């Protein structure tokens, strides 16, 4: 019976991982505009994944949405090509966000959201300013990689909260 339960658990985790990866790719493709909505939903996925799945599952989820957005070429229209310069920093920013969120489990949920969103924002804001001053990217990216990133991360955390509570009640 114990072996059957273990195999069932592995099967369910595999299916859940598949669903999370599918969402990571499909959210930016299905909700490609406006960035505020896409970013909020993707960040909610990050927070939920950080709370409910293991670290190995987490890494692809942090990368897939930005790759999908870049390949879909709609978030920034003709200027989406500039997103390429930010991909590694977006990935690191996403990692910082979920890492800080995970490390602060003893803190108030709002503090966890705010501090993790702030870390991501600071990294991306510093990088966008460096790129902009070097005339690598247009001014549009200062807002997109700055305050919008902070706002969507915070809103994503708020959106994730009731979902996490629902999942907690069904454990």
Protein backbone atom coordinates (compact mmCIF):
# COMPACT_ATOMS: atom_id res chain seq x y z
CA UNK A 1 0.00 0.00 0.00
CA UNK A 2 2.87 2.36 0.84
CA UNK A 3 4.47 1.80 -2.60
CA UNK A 4 1.16 2.53 -4.31
CA UNK A 5 0.76 5.77 -2.34
CA UNK A 6 4.33 6.81 -3.22
CA UNK A 7 3.80 6.10 -6.91
CA UNK A 8 0.51 7.99 -6.87
CA UNK A 9 2.22 10.96 -5.22
CA UNK A 10 5.01 10.94 -7.85
CA UNK A 11 2.43 10.75 -10.62
CA UNK A 12 0.43 13.66 -9.20
CA UNK A 13 3.57 15.77 -8.72
CA UNK A 14 4.61 15.05 -12.32
CA UNK A 15 1.20 16.17 -13.55
CA UNK A 16 1.28 19.27 -11.36
CA UNK A 17 4.76 20.17 -12.65
CA UNK A 18 3.50 19.78 -16.20
CA UNK A 19 0.55 22.09 -15.47
CA UNK A 20 2.83 24.71 -13.90
CA UNK A 21 5.21 24.63 -16.88
CA UNK A 22 2.28 24.85 -19.28
CA UNK A 23 0.95 27.89 -17.40
CA UNK A 24 4.41 29.48 -17.40
CA UNK A 25 4.48 29.32 -21.18
CA UNK A 26 0.82 29.94 -21.93
CA UNK A 27 0.08 32.92 -19.66
CA UNK A 28 2.28 35.35 -21.66
CA UNK A 29 0.89 33.94 -24.90
CA UNK A 30 -2.76 34.13 -23.91
CA UNK A 31 -2.62 37.33 -21.86
CA UNK A 32 -0.04 39.29 -23.82
CA UNK A 33 -1.45 42.75 -23.16
CA UNK A 34 -1.38 44.80 -21.01
CA UNK A 35 1.91 44.07 -19.26
CA UNK A 36 0.34 44.88 -15.88
CA UNK A 37 -2.13 42.00 -16.15
CA UNK A 38 0.32 39.53 -17.68
CA UNK A 39 2.96 40.36 -15.07
CA UNK A 40 0.52 40.09 -12.19
CA UNK A 41 -0.68 36.64 -13.24
CA UNK A 42 2.86 35.38 -13.93
CA UNK A 43 4.08 36.69 -10.56
CA UNK A 44 1.16 34.97 -8.83
CA UNK A 45 2.34 31.74 -10.48
CA UNK A 46 5.84 32.38 -9.09
CA UNK A 47 4.55 32.86 -5.54
CA UNK A 48 2.30 29.81 -5.69
CA UNK A 49 5.08 27.68 -7.13
CA UNK A 50 7.53 28.93 -4.50
CA UNK A 51 5.13 27.89 -1.74
CA UNK A 52 3.88 24.60 -3.10
CA UNK A 53 6.51 22.94 -5.30
CA UNK A 54 10.11 21.88 -4.89
CA UNK A 55 13.09 23.95 -6.04
CA UNK A 56 13.82 21.82 -9.11
CA UNK A 57 10.32 22.55 -10.37
CA UNK A 58 10.73 26.23 -9.65
CA UNK A 59 13.67 27.05 -11.93
CA UNK A 60 11.97 26.40 -15.29
CA UNK A 61 8.92 28.35 -14.13
CA UNK A 62 11.13 31.40 -13.51
CA UNK A 63 12.49 31.25 -17.06
CA UNK A 64 9.62 30.07 -19.27
CA UNK A 65 7.30 33.13 -19.10
CA UNK A 66 9.94 35.60 -20.27
CA UNK A 67 10.99 33.27 -23.09
CA UNK A 68 7.37 32.95 -24.16
CA UNK A 69 6.87 36.72 -24.03
CA UNK A 70 10.05 37.29 -26.04
CA UNK A 71 9.14 34.71 -28.67
CA UNK A 72 5.54 35.94 -28.93
CA UNK A 73 6.76 39.48 -29.68
CA UNK A 74 3.68 41.29 -28.36
CA UNK A 75 4.34 42.80 -24.93
CA UNK A 76 6.50 45.62 -26.28
CA UNK A 77 5.45 45.39 -29.92
CA UNK A 78 8.30 46.24 -32.27
CA UNK A 79 10.57 46.95 -29.30
CA UNK A 80 10.27 43.41 -27.91
CA UNK A 81 13.71 42.65 -29.36
CA UNK A 82 15.19 44.79 -26.58
CA UNK A 83 13.73 42.35 -24.06
CA UNK A 84 16.53 39.99 -25.10
CA UNK A 85 19.06 42.12 -23.20
CA UNK A 86 17.06 41.73 -20.01
CA UNK A 87 16.36 37.99 -20.06
CA UNK A 88 19.22 36.96 -17.73
CA UNK A 89 18.36 39.79 -15.33
CA UNK A 90 14.66 38.92 -15.41
CA UNK A 91 15.55 35.34 -14.54
CA UNK A 92 17.81 36.42 -11.68
CA UNK A 93 15.16 38.91 -10.53
CA UNK A 94 12.50 36.20 -10.55
CA UNK A 95 14.84 33.94 -8.58
CA UNK A 96 15.56 36.69 -6.04
CA UNK A 97 11.85 37.28 -5.66
CA UNK A 98 10.95 33.68 -4.89
CA UNK A 99 14.10 33.06 -2.84
CA UNK A 100 13.44 36.02 -0.54
CA UNK A 101 9.77 35.09 -0.37
CA UNK A 102 10.72 31.53 0.64
CA UNK A 103 13.38 32.60 3.15
CA UNK A 104 11.00 34.91 5.02
CA UNK A 105 8.30 32.36 5.87
CA UNK A 106 8.26 33.53 9.49
CA UNK A 107 7.34 37.07 8.44
CA UNK A 108 3.94 38.55 7.71
CA UNK A 109 2.74 37.61 4.21
CA UNK A 110 2.60 41.26 3.07
CA UNK A 111 6.17 41.84 4.27
CA UNK A 112 7.26 38.75 2.33
CA UNK A 113 5.61 40.04 -0.84
CA UNK A 114 6.95 43.57 -0.48
CA UNK A 115 10.54 42.57 0.33
CA UNK A 116 10.75 39.99 -2.45
CA UNK A 117 9.18 42.37 -4.99
CA UNK A 118 11.56 45.12 -3.91
CA UNK A 119 14.61 42.91 -4.52
CA UNK A 120 13.44 42.07 -8.04
CA UNK A 121 12.58 45.69 -8.75
CA UNK A 122 15.95 47.01 -7.59
CA UNK A 123 17.91 44.58 -9.74
CA UNK A 124 15.87 45.29 -12.87
CA UNK A 125 15.75 49.04 -12.25
CA UNK A 126 19.52 49.25 -11.87
CA UNK A 127 20.07 47.22 -15.05
CA UNK A 128 17.56 49.19 -17.12
CA UNK A 129 19.18 52.45 -16.08
CA UNK A 130 22.62 51.15 -17.05
CA UNK A 131 21.30 50.01 -20.43
CA UNK A 132 19.38 53.23 -21.00
CA UNK A 133 22.33 55.47 -20.14
CA UNK A 134 24.49 53.38 -22.48
CA UNK A 135 21.79 53.93 -25.15
CA UNK A 136 21.18 50.20 -25.52
CA UNK A 137 17.42 50.30 -24.87
CA UNK A 138 14.68 52.91 -25.42
CA UNK A 139 13.12 54.89 -22.58
CA UNK A 140 10.00 52.69 -22.63
CA UNK A 141 11.95 50.07 -20.73
CA UNK A 142 12.64 52.33 -17.75
CA UNK A 143 9.00 52.10 -16.71
CA UNK A 144 8.52 48.52 -17.90
CA UNK A 145 11.54 47.18 -16.03
CA UNK A 146 11.07 49.48 -13.07
CA UNK A 147 7.89 50.42 -11.30
CA UNK A 148 5.69 48.08 -13.34
CA UNK A 149 7.85 45.12 -12.25
CA UNK A 150 7.49 46.11 -8.60
CA UNK A 151 3.75 46.68 -8.93
CA UNK A 152 3.05 43.42 -10.77
CA UNK A 153 5.14 41.45 -8.28
CA UNK A 154 3.19 42.94 -5.35
CA UNK A 155 -0.16 42.41 -7.08
CA UNK A 156 0.87 38.87 -8.03
CA UNK A 157 1.57 38.15 -4.38
CA UNK A 158 -1.84 39.48 -3.42
CA UNK A 159 -3.51 37.43 -6.16
CA UNK A 160 -1.64 34.32 -5.02
CA UNK A 161 -2.78 34.66 -1.39
CA UNK A 162 -6.38 33.38 -1.76
CA UNK A 163 -5.20 30.63 -4.08
CA UNK A 164 -2.59 29.54 -1.54
CA UNK A 165 -5.23 29.60 1.19
CA UNK A 166 -7.51 27.45 -0.93
CA UNK A 167 -4.69 25.00 -1.61
CA UNK A 168 -3.81 24.96 2.10
CA UNK A 169 -7.39 24.04 3.00
CA UNK A 170 -7.30 21.08 0.60
CA UNK A 171 -4.11 19.51 1.93
